[in-house]
Structure formats: C-alpha cells, structure tokens
C-alpha cells in the first residue's frame, strides 16, 4: 500500500450498540467519513476517532456510502442540489398545501360541531313543544272539570295555578326574584 493509487476493494460494515456505522471489516472510520456516508452534519465528533490513511478512507467511503444509501430511507434533496429559488418555491408550495389541508379539516370539524348543536337544539325544541302541548291539554282538562262540576272560578283558578306551579321548572342559575310590597 505504499503507492499513491487507490485500489477497488470489497468492504462490509457493521453497526455499534447505538446503530451507528462504525466498523468496516477491521477499519475504524473517522467522523468525517461517517458524516459523508450518512449525509448528515449533526453527528458530534468523537474524541477517540483514529486517523486512517487517505487511501483506505477513499475506498471505504466510496463503497460504504453506496451501501449506506441503499439501506437508509430516501431523504429530501438538500437545498444545494437545487437552485435556491426552486427549493424555496417547492417549500412554499408544500406549506400552502399543508395550510389548505388544515383549513379543510378545521372547516369539517366546525361543520360537524354545528350539526351536533343543531340536532341538540331540534331535540330540545321538540321536548319543549311536547311539554307545552301536555300543559295545554291539562289546562283544557281543568277548564272542562270546572264547567262540568260547576266549581267557582276562584277554585278553578286555584287548581290551575297549583297545576302550573307543580310543572314549572326554575333555572338554578337564576332563582326567581323576590318581590317586595
């Protein structure tokens, strides 16, 4: 290996406990080679990395980089591979698409909530109408009793008020106001 030419070799790599590529069949890789293999700049440099000869590093990085690309998931192309304007336009388009999707989802959620409120309101109004009909029938029945039994109008009125007071519900949040003479 004293010559300055690089030779093609077959290499295999292994992973350490943290699933990082570290060993190429007995060759320990430098952090620089590891960064180039992964295409990521956020690997912290290791203080105990051993220096390798440029010839070994070239052959190892070329073979290992193609092997790691086959194993790693596809990454988005970095901005340097496209022109700055094209990349910015793509990012803007993606952002606008995400915003549109979010707005659609929010609109659908709001529509579902409005529909649920509408259904609850219809149910409540139906119950109230039914209750009003029952009270009207009861009042009609009381008037009929009055005319049939010929009770005095004050007795009939008293019966009506008693009936109404028994069926009126007062909201708990707003108790009836006291009237002072």
N, C-alpha and C. Protein backbone atom coordinates (compact mmCIF):
# COMPACT_ATOMS: atom_id res chain seq x y z
N UNK A 1 0.81 -1.19 0.00
CA UNK A 1 0.00 0.00 0.00
C UNK A 1 0.85 1.25 0.00
N UNK A 2 2.03 1.14 -0.40
CA UNK A 2 2.90 2.29 -0.42
C UNK A 2 2.65 3.19 -1.61
N UNK A 3 1.90 2.72 -2.60
CA UNK A 3 1.69 3.55 -3.79
C UNK A 3 0.61 4.58 -3.53
N UNK A 4 0.58 5.62 -4.35
CA UNK A 4 -0.38 6.70 -4.20
C UNK A 4 -1.70 6.42 -4.89
N UNK A 5 -1.80 5.30 -5.60
CA UNK A 5 -3.04 5.00 -6.31
C UNK A 5 -4.01 4.29 -5.37
N UNK A 6 -5.29 4.55 -5.59
CA UNK A 6 -6.28 3.84 -4.78
C UNK A 6 -6.71 2.59 -5.53
N UNK A 7 -7.03 1.58 -4.78
CA UNK A 7 -7.47 0.33 -5.39
C UNK A 7 -8.91 0.05 -4.97
N UNK A 8 -9.63 -0.67 -5.82
CA UNK A 8 -11.00 -1.02 -5.51
C UNK A 8 -11.00 -2.25 -4.63
N UNK A 9 -11.77 -2.21 -3.55
CA UNK A 9 -11.89 -3.36 -2.67
C UNK A 9 -13.34 -3.55 -2.27
N UNK A 10 -13.63 -4.76 -1.88
CA UNK A 10 -14.94 -5.05 -1.30
C UNK A 10 -14.82 -4.80 0.19
N UNK A 11 -15.79 -4.07 0.73
CA UNK A 11 -15.79 -3.84 2.17
C UNK A 11 -17.19 -4.11 2.70
N UNK A 12 -17.24 -4.48 3.94
CA UNK A 12 -18.53 -4.63 4.60
C UNK A 12 -18.48 -3.81 5.88
N UNK A 13 -19.64 -3.42 6.34
CA UNK A 13 -19.65 -2.58 7.53
C UNK A 13 -20.53 -3.20 8.58
N UNK A 14 -20.34 -2.77 9.81
CA UNK A 14 -21.16 -3.22 10.94
C UNK A 14 -21.67 -2.01 11.70
N UNK A 15 -22.55 -2.27 12.65
CA UNK A 15 -23.09 -1.18 13.45
C UNK A 15 -22.75 -1.41 14.91
N UNK A 16 -22.67 -0.32 15.66
CA UNK A 16 -22.38 -0.45 17.08
C UNK A 16 -23.69 -0.53 17.86
N UNK A 17 -23.60 -0.42 19.19
CA UNK A 17 -24.79 -0.55 20.05
C UNK A 17 -25.84 0.52 19.76
N UNK A 18 -25.44 1.66 19.28
CA UNK A 18 -26.37 2.76 19.01
C UNK A 18 -26.80 2.81 17.55
N UNK A 19 -26.63 1.70 16.84
CA UNK A 19 -26.99 1.60 15.42
C UNK A 19 -26.27 2.62 14.55
N UNK A 20 -25.03 2.91 14.90
CA UNK A 20 -24.22 3.80 14.07
C UNK A 20 -23.19 2.94 13.33
N UNK A 21 -22.94 3.29 12.09
CA UNK A 21 -21.95 2.56 11.31
C UNK A 21 -20.57 2.92 11.86
N UNK A 22 -19.81 1.90 12.25
CA UNK A 22 -18.52 2.17 12.85
C UNK A 22 -17.39 1.33 12.26
N UNK A 23 -17.61 0.10 11.94
CA UNK A 23 -16.52 -0.80 11.58
C UNK A 23 -16.66 -1.26 10.14
N UNK A 24 -15.59 -1.12 9.37
CA UNK A 24 -15.53 -1.67 8.01
C UNK A 24 -14.48 -2.76 8.03
N UNK A 25 -14.87 -3.93 8.30
CA UNK A 25 -14.01 -5.10 8.34
C UNK A 25 -12.61 -4.76 8.87
N UNK A 26 -12.59 -4.39 10.13
CA UNK A 26 -11.32 -4.10 10.78
C UNK A 26 -10.83 -2.69 10.62
N UNK A 27 -11.52 -1.83 9.87
CA UNK A 27 -11.08 -0.45 9.68
C UNK A 27 -12.03 0.44 10.46
N UNK A 28 -11.49 1.22 11.36
CA UNK A 28 -12.34 2.14 12.10
C UNK A 28 -12.45 3.43 11.30
N UNK A 29 -13.69 3.89 11.11
CA UNK A 29 -13.93 5.07 10.27
C UNK A 29 -13.80 6.35 11.08
N UNK A 30 -13.33 7.38 10.41
CA UNK A 30 -13.25 8.68 11.06
C UNK A 30 -14.64 9.31 11.04
N UNK A 31 -14.83 10.30 11.88
CA UNK A 31 -16.13 11.00 11.94
C UNK A 31 -16.45 11.67 10.61
N UNK A 32 -15.42 12.18 9.94
CA UNK A 32 -15.64 12.83 8.64
C UNK A 32 -16.25 11.86 7.64
N UNK A 33 -15.71 10.65 7.59
CA UNK A 33 -16.23 9.63 6.67
C UNK A 33 -17.65 9.24 7.07
N UNK A 34 -17.89 9.10 8.37
CA UNK A 34 -19.24 8.75 8.83
C UNK A 34 -20.24 9.82 8.42
N UNK A 35 -19.85 11.08 8.55
CA UNK A 35 -20.76 12.17 8.16
C UNK A 35 -21.05 12.13 6.68
N UNK A 36 -20.03 11.89 5.87
CA UNK A 36 -20.26 11.82 4.43
C UNK A 36 -21.11 10.61 4.06
N UNK A 37 -20.93 9.49 4.77
CA UNK A 37 -21.73 8.30 4.48
C UNK A 37 -23.21 8.55 4.76
N UNK A 38 -23.47 9.23 5.82
CA UNK A 38 -24.86 9.46 6.20
C UNK A 38 -25.46 10.69 5.53
N UNK A 39 -24.64 11.58 5.11
CA UNK A 39 -25.15 12.81 4.51
C UNK A 39 -25.75 13.73 5.56
N UNK A 40 -25.32 13.59 6.79
CA UNK A 40 -25.87 14.39 7.89
C UNK A 40 -24.73 15.12 8.56
N UNK A 41 -24.96 16.35 8.91
CA UNK A 41 -23.90 17.13 9.55
C UNK A 41 -24.10 17.22 11.05
N UNK A 42 -25.07 16.52 11.63
CA UNK A 42 -25.35 16.69 13.05
C UNK A 42 -24.76 15.59 13.92
N UNK A 43 -23.82 14.79 13.43
CA UNK A 43 -23.17 13.78 14.26
C UNK A 43 -22.05 14.47 15.03
N UNK A 44 -22.07 14.40 16.37
CA UNK A 44 -21.00 15.05 17.12
C UNK A 44 -19.69 14.30 16.93
N UNK A 45 -18.60 15.02 16.74
CA UNK A 45 -17.31 14.35 16.53
C UNK A 45 -16.90 13.59 17.77
N UNK A 46 -16.26 12.45 17.55
CA UNK A 46 -15.83 11.60 18.65
C UNK A 46 -14.37 11.90 18.95
N UNK A 47 -14.02 12.00 20.21
CA UNK A 47 -12.66 12.39 20.57
C UNK A 47 -11.66 11.27 20.33
N UNK A 48 -12.08 10.01 20.34
CA UNK A 48 -11.14 8.90 20.21
C UNK A 48 -11.16 8.29 18.81
N UNK A 49 -11.50 9.08 17.78
CA UNK A 49 -11.51 8.52 16.43
C UNK A 49 -10.07 8.41 15.94
N UNK A 50 -9.78 7.31 15.29
CA UNK A 50 -8.41 7.10 14.82
C UNK A 50 -8.27 7.62 13.40
N UNK A 51 -7.12 8.10 13.08
CA UNK A 51 -6.88 8.61 11.73
C UNK A 51 -6.58 7.42 10.83
N UNK A 52 -7.11 7.45 9.64
CA UNK A 52 -6.87 6.39 8.68
C UNK A 52 -6.13 6.98 7.50
N UNK A 53 -5.51 6.14 6.76
CA UNK A 53 -4.77 6.65 5.60
C UNK A 53 -5.75 7.14 4.55
N UNK A 54 -5.38 8.14 3.74
CA UNK A 54 -6.28 8.66 2.73
C UNK A 54 -6.72 7.59 1.75
N UNK A 55 -5.83 6.62 1.47
CA UNK A 55 -6.18 5.58 0.51
C UNK A 55 -7.29 4.71 1.08
N UNK A 56 -7.19 4.31 2.33
CA UNK A 56 -8.23 3.49 2.96
C UNK A 56 -9.52 4.27 3.06
N UNK A 57 -9.41 5.54 3.42
CA UNK A 57 -10.60 6.37 3.62
C UNK A 57 -11.36 6.54 2.31
N UNK A 58 -10.63 6.74 1.21
CA UNK A 58 -11.29 6.93 -0.09
C UNK A 58 -12.05 5.68 -0.49
N UNK A 59 -11.38 4.54 -0.44
CA UNK A 59 -12.02 3.28 -0.84
C UNK A 59 -13.18 2.95 0.07
N UNK A 60 -13.00 3.14 1.35
CA UNK A 60 -14.04 2.80 2.31
C UNK A 60 -15.24 3.72 2.15
N UNK A 61 -14.98 5.02 1.98
CA UNK A 61 -16.12 5.93 1.90
C UNK A 61 -16.90 5.73 0.62
N UNK A 62 -16.22 5.40 -0.48
CA UNK A 62 -16.91 5.20 -1.75
C UNK A 62 -17.82 3.98 -1.64
N UNK A 63 -17.31 2.85 -1.17
CA UNK A 63 -18.11 1.62 -1.09
C UNK A 63 -19.16 1.71 0.00
N UNK A 64 -18.77 2.22 1.14
CA UNK A 64 -19.70 2.28 2.27
C UNK A 64 -20.80 3.29 2.01
N UNK A 65 -20.47 4.37 1.30
CA UNK A 65 -21.51 5.36 1.05
C UNK A 65 -22.59 4.79 0.15
N UNK A 66 -22.22 4.00 -0.84
CA UNK A 66 -23.25 3.39 -1.69
C UNK A 66 -24.03 2.35 -0.91
N UNK A 67 -23.38 1.63 0.00
CA UNK A 67 -24.08 0.64 0.81
C UNK A 67 -25.03 1.31 1.79
N UNK A 68 -24.62 2.41 2.41
CA UNK A 68 -25.50 3.07 3.37
C UNK A 68 -26.66 3.76 2.68
N UNK A 69 -26.46 4.22 1.46
CA UNK A 69 -27.57 4.83 0.72
C UNK A 69 -28.62 3.79 0.39
N UNK A 70 -28.21 2.57 0.14
CA UNK A 70 -29.17 1.51 -0.16
C UNK A 70 -29.99 1.16 1.08
N UNK A 71 -29.39 1.29 2.27
CA UNK A 71 -30.09 0.92 3.49
C UNK A 71 -30.89 2.06 4.08
N UNK A 72 -30.46 3.29 3.92
CA UNK A 72 -31.13 4.41 4.57
C UNK A 72 -32.37 4.82 3.79
N UNK A 73 -33.39 5.37 4.49
CA UNK A 73 -34.58 5.82 3.79
C UNK A 73 -34.26 7.02 2.92
N UNK A 74 -35.03 7.23 1.86
CA UNK A 74 -34.74 8.35 0.96
C UNK A 74 -34.94 9.68 1.69
N UNK A 75 -33.99 10.56 1.51
CA UNK A 75 -34.06 11.89 2.12
C UNK A 75 -34.44 12.90 1.06
N UNK A 76 -34.99 14.01 1.52
CA UNK A 76 -35.28 15.11 0.61
C UNK A 76 -33.95 15.68 0.12
N UNK A 77 -33.91 16.07 -1.10
CA UNK A 77 -32.68 16.62 -1.66
C UNK A 77 -32.33 17.90 -0.92
N UNK A 78 -31.06 18.05 -0.53
CA UNK A 78 -30.67 19.27 0.17
C UNK A 78 -30.76 20.47 -0.76
N UNK A 79 -30.86 21.67 -0.18
CA UNK A 79 -31.01 22.86 -0.99
C UNK A 79 -29.88 23.07 -1.99
N UNK A 80 -28.68 22.54 -1.70
CA UNK A 80 -27.56 22.77 -2.61
C UNK A 80 -27.74 22.04 -3.93
N UNK A 81 -28.55 20.97 -3.97
CA UNK A 81 -28.72 20.24 -5.22
C UNK A 81 -29.70 20.94 -6.16
N UNK A 82 -30.54 21.80 -5.66
CA UNK A 82 -31.47 22.57 -6.50
C UNK A 82 -31.07 24.03 -6.40
N UNK A 83 -31.60 24.80 -7.31
CA UNK A 83 -31.33 26.23 -7.18
C UNK A 83 -32.12 26.74 -5.99
N UNK A 84 -31.67 27.81 -5.40
CA UNK A 84 -32.31 28.36 -4.21
C UNK A 84 -33.76 28.74 -4.45
N UNK A 85 -34.04 29.32 -5.62
CA UNK A 85 -35.41 29.75 -5.92
C UNK A 85 -36.34 28.55 -6.07
N UNK A 86 -35.88 27.50 -6.75
CA UNK A 86 -36.72 26.31 -6.95
C UNK A 86 -37.03 25.65 -5.62
N UNK A 87 -36.01 25.55 -4.77
CA UNK A 87 -36.22 24.94 -3.46
C UNK A 87 -37.20 25.77 -2.64
N UNK A 88 -37.04 27.08 -2.66
CA UNK A 88 -37.94 27.96 -1.90
C UNK A 88 -39.37 27.85 -2.43
N UNK A 89 -39.51 27.76 -3.74
CA UNK A 89 -40.85 27.62 -4.33
C UNK A 89 -41.48 26.30 -3.91
N UNK A 90 -40.69 25.23 -3.92
CA UNK A 90 -41.21 23.92 -3.51
C UNK A 90 -41.65 23.95 -2.04
N UNK A 91 -40.82 24.55 -1.21
CA UNK A 91 -41.17 24.65 0.21
C UNK A 91 -42.42 25.49 0.41
N UNK A 92 -42.55 26.59 -0.32
CA UNK A 92 -43.73 27.45 -0.23
C UNK A 92 -44.97 26.68 -0.68
N UNK A 93 -44.84 25.91 -1.76
CA UNK A 93 -45.97 25.13 -2.27
C UNK A 93 -46.40 24.08 -1.24
N UNK A 94 -45.42 23.39 -0.64
CA UNK A 94 -45.73 22.39 0.39
C UNK A 94 -46.43 23.04 1.58
N UNK A 95 -45.92 24.20 1.98
CA UNK A 95 -46.52 24.93 3.11
C UNK A 95 -47.97 25.30 2.79
N UNK A 96 -48.20 25.81 1.59
CA UNK A 96 -49.56 26.20 1.20
C UNK A 96 -50.48 24.99 1.13
N UNK A 97 -49.97 23.86 0.66
CA UNK A 97 -50.79 22.65 0.62
C UNK A 97 -51.16 22.20 2.04
N UNK A 98 -50.20 22.26 2.94
CA UNK A 98 -50.48 21.88 4.33
C UNK A 98 -51.50 22.82 4.95
N UNK A 99 -51.36 24.11 4.67
CA UNK A 99 -52.32 25.08 5.19
C UNK A 99 -53.71 24.81 4.66
N UNK A 100 -53.82 24.48 3.38
CA UNK A 100 -55.12 24.18 2.77
C UNK A 100 -55.73 22.95 3.42
N UNK A 101 -54.92 21.93 3.63
CA UNK A 101 -55.41 20.70 4.26
C UNK A 101 -55.90 20.99 5.67
N UNK A 102 -55.13 21.77 6.43
CA UNK A 102 -55.53 22.11 7.80
C UNK A 102 -56.82 22.92 7.81
N UNK A 103 -56.95 23.88 6.90
CA UNK A 103 -58.17 24.67 6.84
C UNK A 103 -59.37 23.80 6.51
N UNK A 104 -59.19 22.85 5.60
CA UNK A 104 -60.28 21.93 5.25
C UNK A 104 -60.70 21.09 6.46
N UNK A 105 -59.70 20.58 7.18
CA UNK A 105 -60.01 19.78 8.37
C UNK A 105 -60.74 20.61 9.41
N UNK A 106 -60.27 21.84 9.65
CA UNK A 106 -60.94 22.70 10.63
C UNK A 106 -62.36 23.03 10.20
N UNK A 107 -62.56 23.27 8.91
CA UNK A 107 -63.90 23.58 8.42
C UNK A 107 -64.83 22.38 8.61
N UNK A 108 -64.32 21.18 8.36
CA UNK A 108 -65.13 19.97 8.55
C UNK A 108 -65.48 19.78 10.02
N UNK A 109 -64.50 20.02 10.90
CA UNK A 109 -64.76 19.89 12.33
C UNK A 109 -65.81 20.89 12.78
N UNK A 110 -65.70 22.13 12.32
CA UNK A 110 -66.67 23.16 12.70
C UNK A 110 -68.06 22.80 12.19
N UNK A 111 -68.13 22.26 10.98
CA UNK A 111 -69.43 21.86 10.42
C UNK A 111 -70.04 20.72 11.24
N UNK A 112 -69.21 19.75 11.65
CA UNK A 112 -69.73 18.66 12.48
C UNK A 112 -70.24 19.18 13.81
N UNK A 113 -69.52 20.13 14.41
CA UNK A 113 -69.97 20.70 15.68
C UNK A 113 -71.27 21.48 15.50
N UNK A 114 -71.37 22.26 14.42
CA UNK A 114 -72.61 23.00 14.16
C UNK A 114 -73.77 22.03 13.98
N UNK A 115 -73.54 20.94 13.28
CA UNK A 115 -74.60 19.95 13.05
C UNK A 115 -75.03 19.31 14.37
N UNK A 116 -74.06 19.00 15.24
CA UNK A 116 -74.38 18.41 16.54
C UNK A 116 -75.21 19.38 17.38
N UNK A 117 -74.83 20.65 17.37
CA UNK A 117 -75.58 21.67 18.12
C UNK A 117 -76.98 21.81 17.54
N UNK A 118 -77.06 21.80 16.22
CA UNK A 118 -78.36 21.92 15.55
C UNK A 118 -79.27 20.75 15.95
N UNK A 119 -78.73 19.54 15.95
CA UNK A 119 -79.52 18.36 16.33
C UNK A 119 -79.98 18.46 17.78
N UNK A 120 -79.10 18.89 18.66
CA UNK A 120 -79.46 19.04 20.08
C UNK A 120 -80.54 20.10 20.25
N UNK A 121 -80.44 21.18 19.50
CA UNK A 121 -81.44 22.23 19.56
C UNK A 121 -82.80 21.73 19.08
N UNK A 122 -82.80 20.95 18.01
CA UNK A 122 -84.05 20.40 17.49
C UNK A 122 -84.68 19.47 18.53
N UNK A 123 -83.86 18.63 19.18
CA UNK A 123 -84.38 17.73 20.21
C UNK A 123 -84.97 18.53 21.37
N UNK A 124 -84.27 19.56 21.81
CA UNK A 124 -84.74 20.37 22.93
C UNK A 124 -86.04 21.07 22.57
N UNK A 125 -86.09 21.66 21.38
CA UNK A 125 -87.31 22.35 20.97
C UNK A 125 -88.48 21.38 20.86
N UNK A 126 -88.24 20.18 20.38
CA UNK A 126 -89.28 19.17 20.28
C UNK A 126 -89.81 18.81 21.67
N UNK A 127 -88.89 18.62 22.62
CA UNK A 127 -89.31 18.33 24.00
C UNK A 127 -90.14 19.46 24.58
N UNK A 128 -89.70 20.70 24.34
CA UNK A 128 -90.43 21.86 24.85
C UNK A 128 -91.83 21.94 24.25
N UNK A 129 -91.93 21.70 22.94
CA UNK A 129 -93.26 21.72 22.29
C UNK A 129 -94.16 20.65 22.87
N UNK A 130 -93.60 19.47 23.07
CA UNK A 130 -94.38 18.37 23.63
C UNK A 130 -94.85 18.72 25.04
N UNK A 131 -93.97 19.31 25.83
CA UNK A 131 -94.33 19.71 27.19
C UNK A 131 -95.42 20.78 27.16
N UNK A 132 -95.31 21.74 26.24
CA UNK A 132 -96.32 22.79 26.12
C UNK A 132 -97.67 22.20 25.73
N UNK A 133 -97.66 21.22 24.82
CA UNK A 133 -98.92 20.56 24.43
C UNK A 133 -99.56 19.86 25.62
N UNK A 134 -98.71 19.16 26.41
CA UNK A 134 -99.24 18.47 27.59
C UNK A 134 -99.86 19.46 28.56
N UNK A 135 -99.19 20.57 28.78
CA UNK A 135 -99.72 21.58 29.70
C UNK A 135 -101.02 22.18 29.17
N UNK A 136 -101.08 22.41 27.86
CA UNK A 136 -102.32 22.95 27.28
C UNK A 136 -103.47 21.95 27.43
N UNK A 137 -103.17 20.67 27.22
CA UNK A 137 -104.21 19.66 27.39
C UNK A 137 -104.66 19.60 28.84
N UNK A 138 -103.72 19.70 29.76
CA UNK A 138 -104.06 19.66 31.18
C UNK A 138 -104.91 20.87 31.55
N UNK A 139 -104.56 22.04 31.03
CA UNK A 139 -105.36 23.25 31.31
C UNK A 139 -106.76 23.10 30.73
N UNK A 140 -106.83 22.55 29.53
CA UNK A 140 -108.13 22.32 28.89
C UNK A 140 -108.97 21.36 29.74
N UNK A 141 -108.30 20.34 30.26
CA UNK A 141 -108.99 19.36 31.11
C UNK A 141 -109.50 20.03 32.38
N UNK A 142 -108.68 20.90 32.97
CA UNK A 142 -109.10 21.60 34.19
C UNK A 142 -110.30 22.51 33.91
N UNK A 143 -110.29 23.19 32.77
CA UNK A 143 -111.43 24.04 32.41
C UNK A 143 -112.67 23.18 32.22
N UNK A 144 -112.49 22.03 31.61
CA UNK A 144 -113.61 21.13 31.40
C UNK A 144 -114.17 20.65 32.74
N UNK A 145 -113.28 20.35 33.69
CA UNK A 145 -113.72 19.93 35.02
C UNK A 145 -114.50 21.06 35.67
N UNK A 146 -114.01 22.27 35.51
CA UNK A 146 -114.67 23.43 36.10
C UNK A 146 -116.10 23.56 35.56
N UNK A 147 -116.25 23.46 34.27
CA UNK A 147 -117.59 23.62 33.69
C UNK A 147 -118.48 22.45 34.04
N UNK A 148 -117.92 21.27 34.17
CA UNK A 148 -118.72 20.10 34.46
C UNK A 148 -119.15 20.06 35.92
N UNK A 149 -118.30 20.44 36.82
CA UNK A 149 -118.62 20.36 38.25
C UNK A 149 -119.17 21.67 38.78
N UNK A 150 -119.13 22.66 37.98
CA UNK A 150 -119.64 23.97 38.36
C UNK A 150 -118.94 24.51 39.62
N UNK A 151 -117.63 24.30 39.66
CA UNK A 151 -116.88 24.89 40.76
C UNK A 151 -116.76 26.37 40.50
N UNK A 152 -116.49 27.08 41.53
CA UNK A 152 -116.36 28.53 41.38
C UNK A 152 -115.11 28.84 40.58
N UNK A 153 -115.11 29.98 39.96
CA UNK A 153 -113.95 30.37 39.15
C UNK A 153 -112.72 30.54 40.01
N UNK A 154 -112.88 30.93 41.25
CA UNK A 154 -111.71 31.07 42.12
C UNK A 154 -111.12 29.71 42.44
N UNK A 155 -111.97 28.69 42.63
CA UNK A 155 -111.47 27.34 42.87
C UNK A 155 -110.76 26.82 41.62
N UNK A 156 -111.36 27.08 40.46
CA UNK A 156 -110.75 26.63 39.20
C UNK A 156 -109.40 27.31 38.99
N UNK A 157 -109.37 28.60 39.26
CA UNK A 157 -108.12 29.34 39.12
C UNK A 157 -107.06 28.81 40.07
N UNK A 158 -107.48 28.48 41.27
CA UNK A 158 -106.56 27.92 42.26
C UNK A 158 -106.01 26.58 41.77
N UNK A 159 -106.88 25.73 41.21
CA UNK A 159 -106.42 24.45 40.67
C UNK A 159 -105.44 24.65 39.52
N UNK A 160 -105.75 25.59 38.64
CA UNK A 160 -104.85 25.88 37.51
C UNK A 160 -103.49 26.33 38.00
N UNK A 161 -103.48 27.27 38.95
CA UNK A 161 -102.20 27.77 39.46
C UNK A 161 -101.41 26.66 40.14
N UNK A 162 -102.09 25.83 40.91
CA UNK A 162 -101.41 24.72 41.58
C UNK A 162 -100.77 23.79 40.55
N UNK A 163 -101.55 23.49 39.53
CA UNK A 163 -101.04 22.61 38.48
C UNK A 163 -99.83 23.23 37.79
N UNK A 164 -99.94 24.49 37.43
CA UNK A 164 -98.83 25.15 36.74
C UNK A 164 -97.59 25.24 37.61
N UNK A 165 -97.78 25.57 38.88
CA UNK A 165 -96.63 25.70 39.78
C UNK A 165 -95.94 24.35 39.99
N UNK A 166 -96.70 23.29 39.94
CA UNK A 166 -96.09 21.96 40.09
C UNK A 166 -95.27 21.56 38.86
N UNK A 167 -95.57 22.14 37.71
CA UNK A 167 -94.90 21.75 36.48
C UNK A 167 -93.90 22.77 35.95
N UNK A 168 -93.78 23.89 36.60
CA UNK A 168 -92.82 24.90 36.16
C UNK A 168 -91.46 24.56 36.76
N UNK A 169 -90.46 24.60 35.92
CA UNK A 169 -89.09 24.40 36.40
C UNK A 169 -88.38 25.73 36.36
N UNK A 170 -87.72 26.05 37.44
CA UNK A 170 -87.00 27.32 37.55
C UNK A 170 -85.52 27.02 37.36
N UNK A 171 -84.87 27.74 36.47
CA UNK A 171 -83.43 27.51 36.29
C UNK A 171 -82.68 27.77 37.58
N UNK A 172 -81.69 26.93 37.86
CA UNK A 172 -80.92 27.06 39.09
C UNK A 172 -79.99 28.25 39.06
N UNK A 173 -79.53 28.63 37.90
CA UNK A 173 -78.59 29.74 37.79
C UNK A 173 -79.25 31.07 38.11
N UNK A 174 -80.54 31.21 37.82
CA UNK A 174 -81.24 32.47 38.05
C UNK A 174 -82.49 32.20 38.89
N UNK A 175 -82.36 32.22 40.22
CA UNK A 175 -83.53 31.98 41.05
C UNK A 175 -84.53 33.13 40.87
N UNK A 176 -85.81 32.86 41.10
CA UNK A 176 -86.80 33.92 40.93
C UNK A 176 -86.53 35.07 41.89
N UNK A 177 -86.75 36.25 41.40
CA UNK A 177 -86.52 37.43 42.23
C UNK A 177 -87.66 37.59 43.22
N UNK A 178 -87.30 38.07 44.40
CA UNK A 178 -88.33 38.31 45.42
C UNK A 178 -88.95 39.67 45.15
N UNK A 179 -90.23 39.70 45.28
CA UNK A 179 -90.90 40.99 45.10
C UNK A 179 -91.26 41.54 46.47
N UNK A 180 -90.96 42.78 46.65
CA UNK A 180 -91.26 43.43 47.92
C UNK A 180 -92.49 44.31 47.75
N UNK A 181 -93.44 44.24 48.71
CA UNK A 181 -94.66 45.06 48.59
C UNK A 181 -94.41 46.53 48.77
